[in-house]
Amino acid sequence: MSVYLYNLIFSLTGTNVNVGQFQQYPTTLPPSPSISNVSCAWFAYSSPTPPPGLGSYFQVVTQALTSSQWGNPQSNANSLTVDPGDYLMMRVCCADSNVSNYQLRFTGVFGRGTSQELPPGASNLQSPLVMSSASAPNNTLPRAVIDVDGSSVLNWPGPISADGSWVIWLGEVVSAPADAANDYTLNVGASVYVGANAPSLGNLFTFGNDPKMHVTGIGRKRKVA
């Protein structure tokens, strides 16, 4: 079992905000790459003890992650290979001085990543995650849409104060019917509302990215029904 974190960093200063782009994976990694300075990257959990809140289902994390427990960054330009039984997290971070006034909403849509005909042995399952939750742990319907907060912008969550981040558990990776190996695209969106001291550009901003993922047909066999 492995745990992977998809890490994204944004800023409302600079040029990326003009095109709705998160900070991109660097051409050359910094001397000490971490979740604090490398964006558009998958990190692997490296501590022998389970990360806080480890679970099979989607949930919001309310405490900052420990940077030293995450390593081996991989660019999202390449497809991340995971096994059934692995776990996925997502983190969005901002180092702007005004981040305490930011409120953010996650949105994510999984898809099989191709409109082409299925190759032999592949499955038309559209997401490697399921709809299980603390109140419905046995729900095995696929979770193709991730949406943290459907309320008005004033009710979107603010950042974890320790590091200006928003973190969620996406859940446990499941195998497709007949243990088929599948490829997915995860379209990630972050909507940011600035409640005070907004920049001259406005007070509502959006960012997007689309990492890819390959789920093998091996690992723990928790299948979609």
C-alpha atoms as a PDB file:
ATOM      1  CA  MET A   1       0.000   0.000   0.000  1.00  0.00           C
ATOM      2  CA  SER A   2       1.283   3.448  -0.962  1.00  0.00           C
ATOM      3  CA  VAL A   3      -0.066   6.937  -0.352  1.00  0.00           C
ATOM      4  CA  TYR A   4       0.276   9.624  -3.017  1.00  0.00           C
ATOM      5  CA  LEU A   5      -0.350  13.351  -2.688  1.00  0.00           C
ATOM      6  CA  TYR A   6      -1.167  15.571  -5.652  1.00  0.00           C
ATOM      7  CA  ASN A   7       0.329  18.939  -4.772  1.00  0.00           C
ATOM      8  CA  LEU A   8      -0.629  22.261  -6.364  1.00  0.00           C
ATOM      9  CA  ILE A   9       0.580  25.797  -5.606  1.00  0.00           C
ATOM     10  CA  PHE A  10      -1.075  28.992  -6.819  1.00  0.00           C
ATOM     11  CA  SER A  11      -0.614  32.734  -6.424  1.00  0.00           C
ATOM     12  CA  LEU A  12      -2.781  35.719  -7.227  1.00  0.00           C
ATOM     13  CA  THR A  13       0.365  37.660  -8.138  1.00  0.00           C
ATOM     14  CA  GLY A  14       2.520  37.077 -11.201  1.00  0.00           C
ATOM     15  CA  THR A  15       1.388  35.899 -14.636  1.00  0.00           C
ATOM     16  CA  ASN A  16      -0.078  32.450 -13.935  1.00  0.00           C
ATOM     17  CA  VAL A  17      -3.289  33.956 -12.568  1.00  0.00           C
ATOM     18  CA  ASN A  18      -3.977  35.546 -15.968  1.00  0.00           C
ATOM     19  CA  VAL A  19      -4.311  32.129 -17.599  1.00  0.00           C
ATOM     20  CA  GLY A  20      -5.769  30.190 -14.651  1.00  0.00           C
ATOM     21  CA  GLN A  21      -2.595  28.162 -14.237  1.00  0.00           C
ATOM     22  CA  PHE A  22      -1.095  26.661 -11.101  1.00  0.00           C
ATOM     23  CA  GLN A  23       2.654  27.063 -10.571  1.00  0.00           C
ATOM     24  CA  GLN A  24       4.207  24.592 -12.991  1.00  0.00           C
ATOM     25  CA  TYR A  25       6.594  21.722 -12.236  1.00  0.00           C
ATOM     26  CA  PRO A  26      10.137  23.147 -12.421  1.00  0.00           C
ATOM     27  CA  THR A  27      12.506  22.262 -15.227  1.00  0.00           C
ATOM     28  CA  THR A  28      15.145  21.710 -12.539  1.00  0.00           C
ATOM     29  CA  LEU A  29      14.086  20.702  -9.049  1.00  0.00           C
ATOM     30  CA  PRO A  30      15.203  22.968  -6.181  1.00  0.00           C
ATOM     31  CA  PRO A  31      17.949  21.638  -3.863  1.00  0.00           C
ATOM     32  CA  SER A  32      15.371  20.529  -1.276  1.00  0.00           C
ATOM     33  CA  PRO A  33      12.161  19.735  -3.176  1.00  0.00           C
ATOM     34  CA  SER A  34       9.093  19.624  -0.958  1.00  0.00           C
ATOM     35  CA  ILE A  35       5.344  20.148  -0.959  1.00  0.00           C
ATOM     36  CA  SER A  36       6.113  23.781  -0.074  1.00  0.00           C
ATOM     37  CA  ASN A  37       8.024  24.584  -3.268  1.00  0.00           C
ATOM     38  CA  VAL A  38       7.129  22.042  -5.992  1.00  0.00           C
ATOM     39  CA  SER A  39       3.751  22.253  -7.716  1.00  0.00           C
ATOM     40  CA  CYS A  40       1.932  20.131 -10.295  1.00  0.00           C
ATOM     41  CA  ALA A  41       3.586  17.109  -8.712  1.00  0.00           C
ATOM     42  CA  TRP A  42       2.743  13.777  -7.143  1.00  0.00           C
ATOM     43  CA  PHE A  43       4.546  13.130  -3.857  1.00  0.00           C
ATOM     44  CA  ALA A  44       4.880   9.746  -2.129  1.00  0.00           C
ATOM     45  CA  TYR A  45       4.360   9.355   1.617  1.00  0.00           C
ATOM     46  CA  SER A  46       7.590   8.205   3.258  1.00  0.00           C
ATOM     47  CA  SER A  47       6.869   7.933   6.991  1.00  0.00           C
ATOM     48  CA  PRO A  48       6.454   4.468   8.609  1.00  0.00           C
ATOM     49  CA  THR A  49       3.353   5.654  10.509  1.00  0.00           C
ATOM     50  CA  PRO A  50       0.074   6.225   8.591  1.00  0.00           C
ATOM     51  CA  PRO A  51      -0.719   9.836   7.711  1.00  0.00           C
ATOM     52  CA  PRO A  52      -3.470  11.524   9.775  1.00  0.00           C
ATOM     53  CA  GLY A  53      -6.978  10.626   8.690  1.00  0.00           C
ATOM     54  CA  LEU A  54      -5.994   7.740   6.416  1.00  0.00           C
ATOM     55  CA  GLY A  55      -9.227   6.231   5.141  1.00  0.00           C
ATOM     56  CA  SER A  56     -10.916   4.652   2.181  1.00  0.00           C
ATOM     57  CA  TYR A  57     -13.217   7.572   1.487  1.00  0.00           C
ATOM     58  CA  PHE A  58     -13.288  11.258   0.654  1.00  0.00           C
ATOM     59  CA  GLN A  59     -12.860  13.697   3.540  1.00  0.00           C
ATOM     60  CA  VAL A  60     -11.489  17.155   4.303  1.00  0.00           C
ATOM     61  CA  VAL A  61      -8.252  17.392   6.309  1.00  0.00           C
ATOM     62  CA  THR A  62      -8.047  20.218   8.844  1.00  0.00           C
ATOM     63  CA  GLN A  63      -4.397  20.030   9.902  1.00  0.00           C
ATOM     64  CA  ALA A  64      -1.282  20.901   7.940  1.00  0.00           C
ATOM     65  CA  LEU A  65       0.726  18.080   6.398  1.00  0.00           C
ATOM     66  CA  THR A  66       4.294  17.532   7.579  1.00  0.00           C
ATOM     67  CA  SER A  67       6.515  18.419   4.647  1.00  0.00           C
ATOM     68  CA  SER A  68       9.338  16.045   5.639  1.00  0.00           C
ATOM     69  CA  GLN A  69       6.979  13.045   5.336  1.00  0.00           C
ATOM     70  CA  TRP A  70       6.494  13.538   1.587  1.00  0.00           C
ATOM     71  CA  GLY A  71       9.171  12.917  -1.025  1.00  0.00           C
ATOM     72  CA  ASN A  72      10.045  11.584  -4.473  1.00  0.00           C
ATOM     73  CA  PRO A  73       8.145  14.215  -6.485  1.00  0.00           C
ATOM     74  CA  GLN A  74       6.959  13.214  -9.946  1.00  0.00           C
ATOM     75  CA  SER A  75       5.791  15.671 -12.581  1.00  0.00           C
ATOM     76  CA  ASN A  76       2.148  15.427 -13.548  1.00  0.00           C
ATOM     77  CA  ALA A  77       3.291  15.642 -17.147  1.00  0.00           C
ATOM     78  CA  ASN A  78       3.704  11.882 -16.830  1.00  0.00           C
ATOM     79  CA  SER A  79       0.989   9.438 -15.840  1.00  0.00           C
ATOM     80  CA  LEU A  80       1.186   8.307 -12.204  1.00  0.00           C
ATOM     81  CA  THR A  81       1.003   4.522 -11.873  1.00  0.00           C
ATOM     82  CA  VAL A  82      -0.922   3.277  -8.835  1.00  0.00           C
ATOM     83  CA  ASP A  83      -2.236  -0.077  -7.638  1.00  0.00           C
ATOM     84  CA  PRO A  84      -5.649  -0.941  -6.213  1.00  0.00           C
ATOM     85  CA  GLY A  85      -5.377  -0.443  -2.452  1.00  0.00           C
ATOM     86  CA  ASP A  86      -3.200   2.673  -2.756  1.00  0.00           C
ATOM     87  CA  TYR A  87      -4.515   5.962  -1.351  1.00  0.00           C
ATOM     88  CA  LEU A  88      -4.754   9.421  -2.896  1.00  0.00           C
ATOM     89  CA  MET A  89      -4.688  12.900  -1.363  1.00  0.00           C
ATOM     90  CA  MET A  90      -4.790  16.378  -2.863  1.00  0.00           C
ATOM     91  CA  ARG A  91      -3.327  19.602  -1.496  1.00  0.00           C
ATOM     92  CA  VAL A  92      -3.576  23.159  -2.785  1.00  0.00           C
ATOM     93  CA  CYS A  93      -1.263  25.738  -1.218  1.00  0.00           C
ATOM     94  CA  CYS A  94      -0.645  29.471  -1.526  1.00  0.00           C
ATOM     95  CA  ALA A  95       2.165  31.557  -0.039  1.00  0.00           C
ATOM     96  CA  ASP A  96       0.599  34.961  -0.764  1.00  0.00           C
ATOM     97  CA  SER A  97       0.746  37.324   2.219  1.00  0.00           C
ATOM     98  CA  ASN A  98      -3.043  37.785   2.007  1.00  0.00           C
ATOM     99  CA  VAL A  99      -3.861  34.045   1.949  1.00  0.00           C
ATOM    100  CA  SER A 100      -5.679  34.210   5.290  1.00  0.00           C
ATOM    101  CA  ASN A 101      -8.419  36.128   3.438  1.00  0.00           C
ATOM    102  CA  TYR A 102      -8.731  33.506   0.696  1.00  0.00           C
ATOM    103  CA  GLN A 103     -11.552  30.968   0.562  1.00  0.00           C
ATOM    104  CA  LEU A 104     -11.252  28.033  -1.808  1.00  0.00           C
ATOM    105  CA  ARG A 105     -13.464  25.413  -3.367  1.00  0.00           C
ATOM    106  CA  PHE A 106     -12.129  22.184  -4.883  1.00  0.00           C
ATOM    107  CA  THR A 107     -13.736  20.620  -7.925  1.00  0.00           C
ATOM    108  CA  GLY A 108     -12.529  17.470  -9.648  1.00  0.00           C
ATOM    109  CA  VAL A 109     -13.851  15.274 -12.438  1.00  0.00           C
ATOM    110  CA  PHE A 110     -12.438  11.841 -13.199  1.00  0.00           C
ATOM    111  CA  GLY A 111     -12.786  10.331 -16.655  1.00  0.00           C
ATOM    112  CA  ARG A 112     -11.270   7.427 -18.490  1.00  0.00           C
ATOM    113  CA  GLY A 113      -9.077   9.920 -20.293  1.00  0.00           C
ATOM    114  CA  THR A 114      -9.822   8.871 -23.850  1.00  0.00           C
ATOM    115  CA  SER A 115     -12.789   8.864 -26.181  1.00  0.00           C
ATOM    116  CA  GLN A 116     -11.224   6.114 -28.272  1.00  0.00           C
ATOM    117  CA  GLU A 117     -12.437   2.563 -28.368  1.00  0.00           C
ATOM    118  CA  LEU A 118     -11.460   0.518 -25.327  1.00  0.00           C
ATOM    119  CA  PRO A 119      -8.353  -1.638 -25.800  1.00  0.00           C
ATOM    120  CA  PRO A 120      -8.712  -5.374 -25.144  1.00  0.00           C
ATOM    121  CA  GLY A 121      -9.205  -6.108 -21.449  1.00  0.00           C
ATOM    122  CA  ALA A 122      -9.872  -2.496 -20.453  1.00  0.00           C
ATOM    123  CA  SER A 123     -12.934  -1.337 -18.538  1.00  0.00           C
ATOM    124  CA  ASN A 124     -15.287   1.597 -19.094  1.00  0.00           C
ATOM    125  CA  LEU A 125     -15.159   2.451 -15.377  1.00  0.00           C
ATOM    126  CA  GLN A 126     -14.804   6.255 -15.231  1.00  0.00           C
ATOM    127  CA  SER A 127     -13.091   6.660 -11.849  1.00  0.00           C
ATOM    128  CA  PRO A 128     -10.722   4.655  -9.630  1.00  0.00           C
ATOM    129  CA  LEU A 129     -12.448   6.034  -6.495  1.00  0.00           C
ATOM    130  CA  VAL A 130     -15.778   5.143  -4.899  1.00  0.00           C
ATOM    131  CA  MET A 131     -18.571   7.060  -3.136  1.00  0.00           C
ATOM    132  CA  SER A 132     -17.938   5.557   0.300  1.00  0.00           C
ATOM    133  CA  SER A 133     -17.974   7.885   3.292  1.00  0.00           C
ATOM    134  CA  ALA A 134     -17.881   7.724   7.088  1.00  0.00           C
ATOM    135  CA  SER A 135     -21.662   7.308   7.116  1.00  0.00           C
ATOM    136  CA  ALA A 136     -21.796   4.962   4.098  1.00  0.00           C
ATOM    137  CA  PRO A 137     -18.527   2.967   4.131  1.00  0.00           C
ATOM    138  CA  ASN A 138     -19.863   0.218   1.839  1.00  0.00           C
ATOM    139  CA  ASN A 139     -20.937   2.432  -1.050  1.00  0.00           C
ATOM    140  CA  THR A 140     -19.029   1.146  -4.082  1.00  0.00           C
ATOM    141  CA  LEU A 141     -20.528   3.424  -6.725  1.00  0.00           C
ATOM    142  CA  PRO A 142     -17.793   5.265  -8.631  1.00  0.00           C
ATOM    143  CA  ARG A 143     -16.888   8.825  -7.536  1.00  0.00           C
ATOM    144  CA  ALA A 144     -16.430  10.599 -10.862  1.00  0.00           C
ATOM    145  CA  VAL A 145     -17.046  14.103  -9.450  1.00  0.00           C
ATOM    146  CA  ILE A 146     -15.273  15.649  -6.444  1.00  0.00           C
ATOM    147  CA  ASP A 147     -16.873  18.769  -5.026  1.00  0.00           C
ATOM    148  CA  VAL A 148     -15.981  19.981  -1.547  1.00  0.00           C
ATOM    149  CA  ASP A 149     -18.426  22.825  -1.062  1.00  0.00           C
ATOM    150  CA  GLY A 150     -21.569  23.649  -3.014  1.00  0.00           C
ATOM    151  CA  SER A 151     -22.553  26.699  -0.961  1.00  0.00           C
ATOM    152  CA  SER A 152     -22.005  30.410  -1.661  1.00  0.00           C
ATOM    153  CA  VAL A 153     -18.470  31.793  -1.848  1.00  0.00           C
ATOM    154  CA  LEU A 154     -18.769  33.294   1.635  1.00  0.00           C
ATOM    155  CA  ASN A 155     -19.051  29.763   3.046  1.00  0.00           C
ATOM    156  CA  TRP A 156     -16.101  28.249   1.177  1.00  0.00           C
ATOM    157  CA  PRO A 157     -13.395  27.021   3.565  1.00  0.00           C
ATOM    158  CA  GLY A 158     -10.408  29.165   4.434  1.00  0.00           C
ATOM    159  CA  PRO A 159      -6.858  27.800   4.498  1.00  0.00           C
ATOM    160  CA  ILE A 160      -5.148  25.789   7.207  1.00  0.00           C
ATOM    161  CA  SER A 161      -3.473  28.648   9.036  1.00  0.00           C
ATOM    162  CA  ALA A 162      -0.168  26.842   9.642  1.00  0.00           C
ATOM    163  CA  ASP A 163       0.824  26.794   5.965  1.00  0.00           C
ATOM    164  CA  GLY A 164      -1.891  28.394   3.832  1.00  0.00           C
ATOM    165  CA  SER A 165      -3.114  25.100   2.412  1.00  0.00           C
ATOM    166  CA  TRP A 166      -6.307  23.191   1.716  1.00  0.00           C
ATOM    167  CA  VAL A 167      -6.051  19.376   1.917  1.00  0.00           C
ATOM    168  CA  ILE A 168      -8.441  16.527   1.143  1.00  0.00           C
ATOM    169  CA  TRP A 169      -8.317  12.763   1.148  1.00  0.00           C
ATOM    170  CA  LEU A 170      -9.569  11.561  -2.223  1.00  0.00           C
ATOM    171  CA  GLY A 171      -9.868   7.978  -1.019  1.00  0.00           C
ATOM    172  CA  GLU A 172      -8.648   4.480  -1.817  1.00  0.00           C
ATOM    173  CA  VAL A 173      -7.937   3.357  -5.373  1.00  0.00           C
ATOM    174  CA  VAL A 174     -10.183   0.476  -6.449  1.00  0.00           C
ATOM    175  CA  SER A 175      -9.774  -2.072  -9.207  1.00  0.00           C
ATOM    176  CA  ALA A 176     -12.024  -2.125 -12.243  1.00  0.00           C
ATOM    177  CA  PRO A 177     -14.277  -5.101 -13.048  1.00  0.00           C
ATOM    178  CA  ALA A 178     -12.282  -8.200 -14.015  1.00  0.00           C
ATOM    179  CA  ASP A 179      -9.175  -6.516 -12.550  1.00  0.00           C
ATOM    180  CA  ALA A 180      -8.757  -4.501 -15.736  1.00  0.00           C
ATOM    181  CA  ALA A 181      -5.945  -1.963 -15.908  1.00  0.00           C
ATOM    182  CA  ASN A 182      -7.318   1.505 -16.658  1.00  0.00           C
ATOM    183  CA  ASP A 183      -6.070   4.980 -17.544  1.00  0.00           C
ATOM    184  CA  TYR A 184      -7.761   8.078 -16.123  1.00  0.00           C
ATOM    185  CA  THR A 185      -7.603  11.837 -16.360  1.00  0.00           C
ATOM    186  CA  LEU A 186      -8.416  13.938 -13.278  1.00  0.00           C
ATOM    187  CA  ASN A 187      -9.524  17.452 -14.188  1.00  0.00           C
ATOM    188  CA  VAL A 188      -8.792  19.525 -11.077  1.00  0.00           C
ATOM    189  CA  GLY A 189     -10.277  22.951 -10.477  1.00  0.00           C
ATOM    190  CA  ALA A 190      -9.749  25.445  -7.662  1.00  0.00           C
ATOM    191  CA  SER A 191     -12.044  28.456  -7.288  1.00  0.00           C
ATOM    192  CA  VAL A 192     -10.600  31.183  -5.039  1.00  0.00           C
ATOM    193  CA  TYR A 193     -12.595  33.985  -3.439  1.00  0.00           C
ATOM    194  CA  VAL A 194     -10.778  36.886  -1.760  1.00  0.00           C
ATOM    195  CA  GLY A 195     -12.858  38.215   1.104  1.00  0.00           C
ATOM    196  CA  ALA A 196     -10.691  41.222   1.993  1.00  0.00           C
ATOM    197  CA  ASN A 197      -7.833  43.222   0.445  1.00  0.00           C
ATOM    198  CA  ALA A 198      -8.557  41.761  -2.996  1.00  0.00           C
ATOM    199  CA  PRO A 199      -6.109  42.478  -5.841  1.00  0.00           C
ATOM    200  CA  SER A 200      -7.039  44.952  -8.561  1.00  0.00           C
ATOM    201  CA  LEU A 201      -7.972  42.109 -10.926  1.00  0.00           C
ATOM    202  CA  GLY A 202     -11.005  41.217  -8.823  1.00  0.00           C
ATOM    203  CA  ASN A 203     -12.019  38.902  -5.984  1.00  0.00           C
ATOM    204  CA  LEU A 204     -12.889  35.618  -7.745  1.00  0.00           C
ATOM    205  CA  PHE A 205     -10.294  33.483  -9.543  1.00  0.00           C
ATOM    206  CA  THR A 206     -10.128  29.967 -10.955  1.00  0.00           C
ATOM    207  CA  PHE A 207      -7.254  27.573 -11.648  1.00  0.00           C
ATOM    208  CA  GLY A 208      -7.192  24.208 -13.412  1.00  0.00           C
ATOM    209  CA  ASN A 209      -4.993  21.235 -14.278  1.00  0.00           C
ATOM    210  CA  ASP A 210      -5.431  17.697 -15.605  1.00  0.00           C
ATOM    211  CA  PRO A 211      -3.054  15.028 -14.227  1.00  0.00           C
ATOM    212  CA  LYS A 212      -3.239  11.506 -15.637  1.00  0.00           C
ATOM    213  CA  MET A 213      -3.207   8.209 -13.805  1.00  0.00           C
ATOM    214  CA  HIS A 214      -2.693   4.543 -14.679  1.00  0.00           C
ATOM    215  CA  VAL A 215      -4.313   2.030 -12.339  1.00  0.00           C
ATOM    216  CA  THR A 216      -2.930  -1.479 -12.604  1.00  0.00           C
ATOM    217  CA  GLY A 217      -5.042  -4.583 -12.209  1.00  0.00           C
ATOM    218  CA  ILE A 218      -2.984  -5.797  -9.230  1.00  0.00           C
ATOM    219  CA  GLY A 219      -3.080  -4.957  -5.548  1.00  0.00           C
ATOM    220  CA  ARG A 220      -5.797  -5.184  -2.948  1.00  0.00           C
ATOM    221  CA  LYS A 221      -9.000  -6.265  -4.668  1.00  0.00           C
ATOM    222  CA  ARG A 222     -11.670  -3.818  -3.616  1.00  0.00           C
ATOM    223  CA  LYS A 223     -13.716  -3.665  -6.799  1.00  0.00           C
ATOM    224  CA  VAL A 224     -16.530  -1.463  -7.994  1.00  0.00           C
ATOM    225  CA  ALA A 225     -19.733  -3.503  -7.999  1.00  0.00           C
END
